C-alpha atoms as a PDB file:
ATOM      1  CA  MET A   1     141.742  92.278 102.164  1.00  0.00           C
ATOM      2  CA  ILE A   2     140.697  89.003 103.634  1.00  0.00           C
ATOM      3  CA  SER A   3     143.158  86.147 103.394  1.00  0.00           C
ATOM      4  CA  THR A   4     142.140  83.019 101.425  1.00  0.00           C
ATOM      5  CA  SER A   5     143.259  81.128 104.497  1.00  0.00           C
ATOM      6  CA  THR A   6     140.546  82.783 106.498  1.00  0.00           C
ATOM      7  CA  LEU A   7     137.900  81.543 104.031  1.00  0.00           C
ATOM      8  CA  THR A   8     139.427  78.260 103.845  1.00  0.00           C
ATOM      9  CA  PHE A   9     139.189  77.890 107.785  1.00  0.00           C
ATOM     10  CA  LEU A  10     135.557  78.998 107.627  1.00  0.00           C
ATOM     11  CA  ARG A  11     134.690  76.353 105.010  1.00  0.00           C
ATOM     12  CA  LYS A  12     136.344  73.676 107.105  1.00  0.00           C
ATOM     13  CA  LEU A  13     134.784  74.651 110.175  1.00  0.00           C
ATOM     14  CA  SER A  14     131.386  74.598 108.429  1.00  0.00           C
ATOM     15  CA  ASN A  15     132.176  70.888 107.903  1.00  0.00           C
ATOM     16  CA  ASN A  16     133.457  70.274 111.457  1.00  0.00           C
ATOM     17  CA  ASN A  17     131.477  72.349 113.603  1.00  0.00           C
ATOM     18  CA  ASN A  18     132.514  70.699 116.921  1.00  0.00           C
ATOM     19  CA  ARG A  19     134.732  71.507 119.938  1.00  0.00           C
ATOM     20  CA  GLU A  20     137.271  68.767 119.249  1.00  0.00           C
ATOM     21  CA  TRP A  21     138.010  69.881 115.824  1.00  0.00           C
ATOM     22  CA  PHE A  22     138.032  73.524 116.700  1.00  0.00           C
ATOM     23  CA  ASN A  23     140.466  73.158 119.480  1.00  0.00           C
ATOM     24  CA  ALA A  24     142.747  71.020 117.167  1.00  0.00           C
ATOM     25  CA  HIS A  25     142.710  74.071 114.724  1.00  0.00           C
ATOM     26  CA  ARG A  26     142.700  76.846 117.020  1.00  0.00           C
ATOM     27  CA  ASP A  27     145.827  78.395 115.498  1.00  0.00           C
ATOM     28  CA  GLU A  28     143.873  78.462 112.235  1.00  0.00           C
ATOM     29  CA  TYR A  29     141.082  80.464 114.072  1.00  0.00           C
ATOM     30  CA  LEU A  30     143.299  82.847 115.667  1.00  0.00           C
ATOM     31  CA  ALA A  31     145.035  83.739 112.199  1.00  0.00           C
ATOM     32  CA  ALA A  32     141.501  84.368 110.755  1.00  0.00           C
ATOM     33  CA  LYS A  33     140.580  86.333 113.692  1.00  0.00           C
ATOM     34  CA  ALA A  34     143.595  88.511 113.523  1.00  0.00           C
ATOM     35  CA  ASN A  35     143.043  88.932 109.668  1.00  0.00           C
ATOM     36  CA  VAL A  36     139.368  90.281 110.164  1.00  0.00           C
ATOM     37  CA  GLU A  37     140.481  92.517 113.035  1.00  0.00           C
ATOM     38  CA  GLN A  38     143.207  94.011 110.943  1.00  0.00           C
ATOM     39  CA  LEU A  39     140.569  94.705 108.271  1.00  0.00           C
ATOM     40  CA  ALA A  40     138.296  96.171 110.868  1.00  0.00           C
ATOM     41  CA  MET A  41     140.773  98.727 111.802  1.00  0.00           C
ATOM     42  CA  GLN A  42     141.430  99.632 108.241  1.00  0.00           C
ATOM     43  CA  LEU A  43     137.743 100.188 107.656  1.00  0.00           C
ATOM     44  CA  VAL A  44     137.458 102.184 110.835  1.00  0.00           C
ATOM     45  CA  ALA A  45     140.433 104.591 109.600  1.00  0.00           C
ATOM     46  CA  GLY A  46     138.877 104.663 106.139  1.00  0.00           C
ATOM     47  CA  ILE A  47     135.333 105.556 107.275  1.00  0.00           C
ATOM     48  CA  ARG A  48     136.479 108.087 109.562  1.00  0.00           C
ATOM     49  CA  GLU A  49     137.749 110.232 106.581  1.00  0.00           C
ATOM     50  CA  PHE A  50     134.052 110.787 105.494  1.00  0.00           C
ATOM     51  CA  ASP A  51     132.198 109.970 108.671  1.00  0.00           C
ATOM     52  CA  ASP A  52     133.997 111.094 111.694  1.00  0.00           C
ATOM     53  CA  SER A  53     130.992 110.434 114.067  1.00  0.00           C
ATOM     54  CA  ILE A  54     131.945 106.933 114.437  1.00  0.00           C
ATOM     55  CA  GLY A  55     134.788 108.050 116.712  1.00  0.00           C
ATOM     56  CA  GLU A  56     137.671 105.777 117.789  1.00  0.00           C
ATOM     57  CA  LEU A  57     136.911 102.233 117.821  1.00  0.00           C
ATOM     58  CA  ALA A  58     138.884  99.106 118.931  1.00  0.00           C
ATOM     59  CA  PRO A  59     138.838  95.814 117.177  1.00  0.00           C
ATOM     60  CA  LYS A  60     136.699  94.225 119.967  1.00  0.00           C
ATOM     61  CA  GLU A  61     134.009  97.038 119.414  1.00  0.00           C
ATOM     62  CA  CYS A  62     133.770  96.057 115.752  1.00  0.00           C
ATOM     63  CA  THR A  63     133.959  92.190 115.790  1.00  0.00           C
ATOM     64  CA  PHE A  64     132.032  89.382 117.138  1.00  0.00           C
ATOM     65  CA  ARG A  65     132.657  86.233 119.117  1.00  0.00           C
ATOM     66  CA  ILE A  66     132.694  83.101 117.134  1.00  0.00           C
ATOM     67  CA  TYR A  67     130.968  81.132 119.713  1.00  0.00           C
ATOM     68  CA  ARG A  68     127.229  80.611 119.237  1.00  0.00           C
ATOM     69  CA  ASP A  69     124.620  80.960 122.040  1.00  0.00           C
ATOM     70  CA  ALA A  70     122.707  77.810 121.196  1.00  0.00           C
ATOM     71  CA  ARG A  71     120.592  77.579 124.390  1.00  0.00           C
ATOM     72  CA  PHE A  72     117.372  78.409 122.685  1.00  0.00           C
ATOM     73  CA  SER A  73     118.155  77.114 119.240  1.00  0.00           C
ATOM     74  CA  TYR A  74     117.479  73.733 117.630  1.00  0.00           C
ATOM     75  CA  ASP A  75     120.745  73.914 116.088  1.00  0.00           C
ATOM     76  CA  LYS A  76     123.392  73.155 118.827  1.00  0.00           C
ATOM     77  CA  SER A  77     126.495  73.800 116.645  1.00  0.00           C
ATOM     78  CA  PRO A  78     128.905  75.693 118.921  1.00  0.00           C
ATOM     79  CA  TYR A  79     130.447  77.893 116.616  1.00  0.00           C
ATOM     80  CA  LYS A  80     129.371  80.525 113.966  1.00  0.00           C
ATOM     81  CA  THR A  81     130.692  79.786 110.498  1.00  0.00           C
ATOM     82  CA  ASN A  82     131.204  83.495 109.582  1.00  0.00           C
ATOM     83  CA  LEU A  83     132.906  86.452 110.829  1.00  0.00           C
ATOM     84  CA  GLY A  84     131.645  90.085 110.579  1.00  0.00           C
ATOM     85  CA  ILE A  85     132.754  93.728 111.049  1.00  0.00           C
ATOM     86  CA  VAL A  86     130.438  96.193 112.058  1.00  0.00           C
ATOM     87  CA  VAL A  87     131.476  99.849 112.375  1.00  0.00           C
ATOM     88  CA  GLN A  88     129.052 102.406 113.999  1.00  0.00           C
ATOM     89  CA  ARG A  89     129.145 105.203 116.474  1.00  0.00           C
ATOM     90  CA  GLY A  90     129.318 103.818 119.943  1.00  0.00           C
ATOM     91  CA  GLY A  91     130.440 100.331 118.894  1.00  0.00           C
ATOM     92  CA  LYS A  92     128.692  97.180 118.021  1.00  0.00           C
ATOM     93  CA  LYS A  93     126.038  97.405 120.865  1.00  0.00           C
ATOM     94  CA  SER A  94     124.672 100.916 119.928  1.00  0.00           C
ATOM     95  CA  SER A  95     121.431 101.743 118.220  1.00  0.00           C
ATOM     96  CA  PHE A  96     122.970 104.099 115.479  1.00  0.00           C
ATOM     97  CA  ALA A  97     123.180 103.108 111.847  1.00  0.00           C
ATOM     98  CA  CYS A  98     126.060 100.951 110.874  1.00  0.00           C
ATOM     99  CA  TYR A  99     128.433  99.994 108.026  1.00  0.00           C
ATOM    100  CA  TYR A 100     128.778  96.147 107.947  1.00  0.00           C
ATOM    101  CA  ALA A 101     131.105  93.658 106.219  1.00  0.00           C
ATOM    102  CA  HIS A 102     130.213  89.949 106.382  1.00  0.00           C
ATOM    103  CA  VAL A 103     132.969  87.365 105.748  1.00  0.00           C
ATOM    104  CA  GLU A 104     131.395  83.869 104.818  1.00  0.00           C
ATOM    105  CA  PRO A 105     132.535  81.488 101.909  1.00  0.00           C
ATOM    106  CA  ASN A 106     130.307  82.114  98.899  1.00  0.00           C
ATOM    107  CA  SER A 107     128.042  84.310 101.059  1.00  0.00           C
ATOM    108  CA  CYS A 108     130.149  87.379 101.593  1.00  0.00           C
ATOM    109  CA  PHE A 109     128.291  90.772 101.414  1.00  0.00           C
ATOM    110  CA  LEU A 110     128.470  94.565 102.522  1.00  0.00           C
ATOM    111  CA  SER A 111     125.443  95.904 104.428  1.00  0.00           C
ATOM    112  CA  GLY A 112     124.506  99.003 106.342  1.00  0.00           C
ATOM    113  CA  GLY A 113     121.719 100.897 107.998  1.00  0.00           C
ATOM    114  CA  ILE A 114     119.772  99.716 110.897  1.00  0.00           C
ATOM    115  CA  TYR A 115     118.801  96.001 111.670  1.00  0.00           C
ATOM    116  CA  MET A 116     116.159  94.979 114.154  1.00  0.00           C
ATOM    117  CA  PRO A 117     115.825  98.357 115.940  1.00  0.00           C
ATOM    118  CA  GLU A 118     113.889  98.673 119.170  1.00  0.00           C
ATOM    119  CA  PRO A 119     110.278  99.547 119.058  1.00  0.00           C
ATOM    120  CA  SER A 120     111.049 103.282 120.032  1.00  0.00           C
ATOM    121  CA  THR A 121     113.772 103.543 117.483  1.00  0.00           C
ATOM    122  CA  LEU A 122     111.680 101.901 114.823  1.00  0.00           C
ATOM    123  CA  LYS A 123     109.008 104.419 115.465  1.00  0.00           C
ATOM    124  CA  ALA A 124     111.534 107.392 115.130  1.00  0.00           C
ATOM    125  CA  LEU A 125     112.599 106.118 111.836  1.00  0.00           C
ATOM    126  CA  ARG A 126     109.185 105.640 110.461  1.00  0.00           C
ATOM    127  CA  GLN A 127     108.355 109.151 111.542  1.00  0.00           C
ATOM    128  CA  ASN A 128     111.435 110.699 109.978  1.00  0.00           C
ATOM    129  CA  ILE A 129     110.768 108.789 106.529  1.00  0.00           C
ATOM    130  CA  ASP A 130     107.197 109.958 106.820  1.00  0.00           C
ATOM    131  CA  VAL A 131     107.911 113.854 107.773  1.00  0.00           C
ATOM    132  CA  ASN A 132     110.914 114.059 105.546  1.00  0.00           C
ATOM    133  CA  SER A 133     109.727 111.578 102.570  1.00  0.00           C
ATOM    134  CA  GLU A 134     111.201 113.713  99.823  1.00  0.00           C
ATOM    135  CA  GLU A 135     114.648 113.859 101.454  1.00  0.00           C
ATOM    136  CA  PHE A 136     114.443 110.135 102.002  1.00  0.00           C
ATOM    137  CA  LEU A 137     113.431 109.197  98.446  1.00  0.00           C
ATOM    138  CA  GLU A 138     116.339 111.426  97.028  1.00  0.00           C
ATOM    139  CA  ILE A 139     118.741 109.684  99.070  1.00  0.00           C
ATOM    140  CA  ILE A 140     117.904 106.120  97.987  1.00  0.00           C
ATOM    141  CA  LYS A 141     117.363 107.204  94.475  1.00  0.00           C
ATOM    142  CA  GLU A 142     120.868 109.062  94.198  1.00  0.00           C
ATOM    143  CA  LYS A 143     122.906 107.645  91.273  1.00  0.00           C
ATOM    144  CA  ASN A 144     125.988 106.931  93.404  1.00  0.00           C
ATOM    145  CA  PHE A 145     123.933 105.240  96.048  1.00  0.00           C
ATOM    146  CA  LYS A 146     122.147 103.139  93.420  1.00  0.00           C
ATOM    147  CA  LYS A 147     125.602 102.160  92.004  1.00  0.00           C
ATOM    148  CA  TYR A 148     126.114 100.102  95.159  1.00  0.00           C
ATOM    149  CA  PHE A 149     122.795  99.548  96.704  1.00  0.00           C
ATOM    150  CA  SER A 150     119.657  98.778  94.691  1.00  0.00           C
ATOM    151  CA  ALA A 151     117.135  99.343  97.554  1.00  0.00           C
ATOM    152  CA  ILE A 152     116.210  99.002 101.227  1.00  0.00           C
ATOM    153  CA  VAL A 153     115.981  95.184 101.974  1.00  0.00           C
ATOM    154  CA  ASP A 154     112.237  94.424 102.421  1.00  0.00           C
ATOM    155  CA  GLU A 155     112.112  90.843 103.712  1.00  0.00           C
ATOM    156  CA  ASN A 156     110.620  91.873 107.013  1.00  0.00           C
ATOM    157  CA  LYS A 157     107.470  93.918 106.507  1.00  0.00           C
ATOM    158  CA  LEU A 158     104.001  94.588 107.942  1.00  0.00           C
ATOM    159  CA  VAL A 159     101.086  93.897 105.652  1.00  0.00           C
ATOM    160  CA  LYS A 160      99.389  97.063 106.476  1.00  0.00           C
ATOM    161  CA  ALA A 161     100.523 100.519 107.211  1.00  0.00           C
ATOM    162  CA  PRO A 162     101.643 100.752 111.105  1.00  0.00           C
ATOM    163  CA  GLN A 163      99.333 102.271 113.318  1.00  0.00           C
ATOM    164  CA  GLY A 164      99.369 105.980 113.399  1.00  0.00           C
ATOM    165  CA  PHE A 165     100.662 106.364 109.818  1.00  0.00           C
ATOM    166  CA  ASP A 166      98.487 107.325 106.832  1.00  0.00           C
ATOM    167  CA  LYS A 167      98.136 104.288 104.351  1.00  0.00           C
ATOM    168  CA  ASN A 168      97.922 106.682 101.421  1.00  0.00           C
ATOM    169  CA  SER A 169     101.367 107.998 102.281  1.00  0.00           C
ATOM    170  CA  PRO A 170     103.758 108.080  99.196  1.00  0.00           C
ATOM    171  CA  VAL A 171     106.258 106.255 101.311  1.00  0.00           C
ATOM    172  CA  VAL A 172     103.907 103.842 102.950  1.00  0.00           C
ATOM    173  CA  GLU A 173     105.858 100.754 101.641  1.00  0.00           C
ATOM    174  CA  PHE A 174     108.820 101.890 103.438  1.00  0.00           C
ATOM    175  CA  LEU A 175     106.818 102.820 106.583  1.00  0.00           C
ATOM    176  CA  LYS A 176     105.840  99.110 106.633  1.00  0.00           C
ATOM    177  CA  HIS A 177     109.491  98.033 107.088  1.00  0.00           C
ATOM    178  CA  LYS A 178     110.519  96.610 110.495  1.00  0.00           C
ATOM    179  CA  ASP A 179     114.221  96.789 109.392  1.00  0.00           C
ATOM    180  CA  PHE A 180     116.010  99.631 107.341  1.00  0.00           C
ATOM    181  CA  TYR A 181     119.208  98.179 105.886  1.00  0.00           C
ATOM    182  CA  VAL A 182     120.736  97.481 102.399  1.00  0.00           C
ATOM    183  CA  MET A 183     122.896  94.771 101.118  1.00  0.00           C
ATOM    184  CA  ARG A 184     125.458  94.160  98.240  1.00  0.00           C
ATOM    185  CA  GLY A 185     126.968  90.761  97.520  1.00  0.00           C
ATOM    186  CA  VAL A 186     130.655  90.344  97.258  1.00  0.00           C
ATOM    187  CA  THR A 187     132.342  87.269  95.682  1.00  0.00           C
ATOM    188  CA  ASP A 188     135.225  85.396  97.451  1.00  0.00           C
ATOM    189  CA  GLU A 189     137.518  86.551  94.762  1.00  0.00           C
ATOM    190  CA  GLU A 190     136.486  90.251  95.518  1.00  0.00           C
ATOM    191  CA  ILE A 191     136.929  89.888  99.120  1.00  0.00           C
ATOM    192  CA  CYS A 192     140.409  88.503  98.810  1.00  0.00           C
ATOM    193  CA  SER A 193     141.436  91.090  96.174  1.00  0.00           C
ATOM    194  CA  LYS A 194     143.765  93.954  96.808  1.00  0.00           C
ATOM    195  CA  SER A 195     141.062  96.135  95.755  1.00  0.00           C
ATOM    196  CA  TYR A 196     138.532  95.177  98.355  1.00  0.00           C
ATOM    197  CA  LEU A 197     139.347  97.820 100.928  1.00  0.00           C
ATOM    198  CA  LYS A 198     139.122 100.605  98.449  1.00  0.00           C
ATOM    199  CA  GLN A 199     135.857  99.222  96.803  1.00  0.00           C
ATOM    200  CA  THR A 200     134.135  98.783 100.305  1.00  0.00           C
ATOM    201  CA  LEU A 201     135.048 102.213 101.276  1.00  0.00           C
ATOM    202  CA  GLN A 202     133.581 103.707  98.163  1.00  0.00           C
ATOM    203  CA  ALA A 203     130.319 101.693  98.883  1.00  0.00           C
ATOM    204  CA  PHE A 204     130.164 102.854 102.312  1.00  0.00           C
ATOM    205  CA  LYS A 205     130.809 106.399 101.466  1.00  0.00           C
ATOM    206  CA  ALA A 206     127.693 106.195  99.170  1.00  0.00           C
ATOM    207  CA  LEU A 207     125.835 104.608 102.262  1.00  0.00           C
ATOM    208  CA  LYS A 208     126.529 107.542 104.455  1.00  0.00           C
ATOM    209  CA  PRO A 209     123.759 109.978 103.520  1.00  0.00           C
ATOM    210  CA  LEU A 210     121.202 107.144 104.424  1.00  0.00           C
ATOM    211  CA  ASN A 211     123.043 106.524 107.766  1.00  0.00           C
ATOM    212  CA  ASP A 212     122.867 110.229 108.611  1.00  0.00           C
ATOM    213  CA  PHE A 213     119.213 110.378 107.778  1.00  0.00           C
ATOM    214  CA  PHE A 214     118.551 107.358 110.170  1.00  0.00           C
ATOM    215  CA  ASN A 215     120.949 108.714 112.783  1.00  0.00           C
ATOM    216  CA  ALA A 216     119.253 112.175 112.807  1.00  0.00           C
ATOM    217  CA  ALA A 217     116.069 110.373 113.868  1.00  0.00           C
ATOM    218  CA  ILE A 218     117.721 108.576 116.787  1.00  0.00           C
ATOM    219  CA  GLU A 219     119.504 111.709 117.900  1.00  0.00           C
ATOM    220  CA  ASP A 220     116.002 113.412 118.139  1.00  0.00           C
ATOM    221  CA  MET A 221     114.481 110.782 120.407  1.00  0.00           C
END
């Protein structure tokens, strides 16, 4: 689980996003970082029990630097105000589908699937959905999946069917997607509870068939 002190640090960082404050509270950051890395290793161990394709992963392969790259952003804040854990085959830089836990006060969530795929990967995912539409629909309509994730997030979509795909396809609305991921909100109380790890692993286990479906397309590229 996540410690309440980790959320407290992130709240304070959000209100004091500058190097002077951060350096003065580095011990709090290191404690929060250690807390998230510990949870990352617990998630890796738990996920491997039902998805051994993720292999062995070290904390640095599952977590992110808190330092922002603000070179091309209007927001010059030097630090992120959240911490994240991503578990996927090949580590955080791979193109395979993932399991993701987001730690941010009042904005915690679970997610998974594929976010911002490369053009070649996106095409392969769309082709797999198009050719195996019945299997895809069965996965996202499955009772246990729906218990945790209501639908594929559709915030980033084309207006029309992508080039080369039938506009009358029964899954055309999914073919329009540029990302293929799901989300489930988590309260601050839930993420700090003793049951968080168990509940998260149950949600990720329900997500596995969808990740397997996406990974099959990537493996065939």
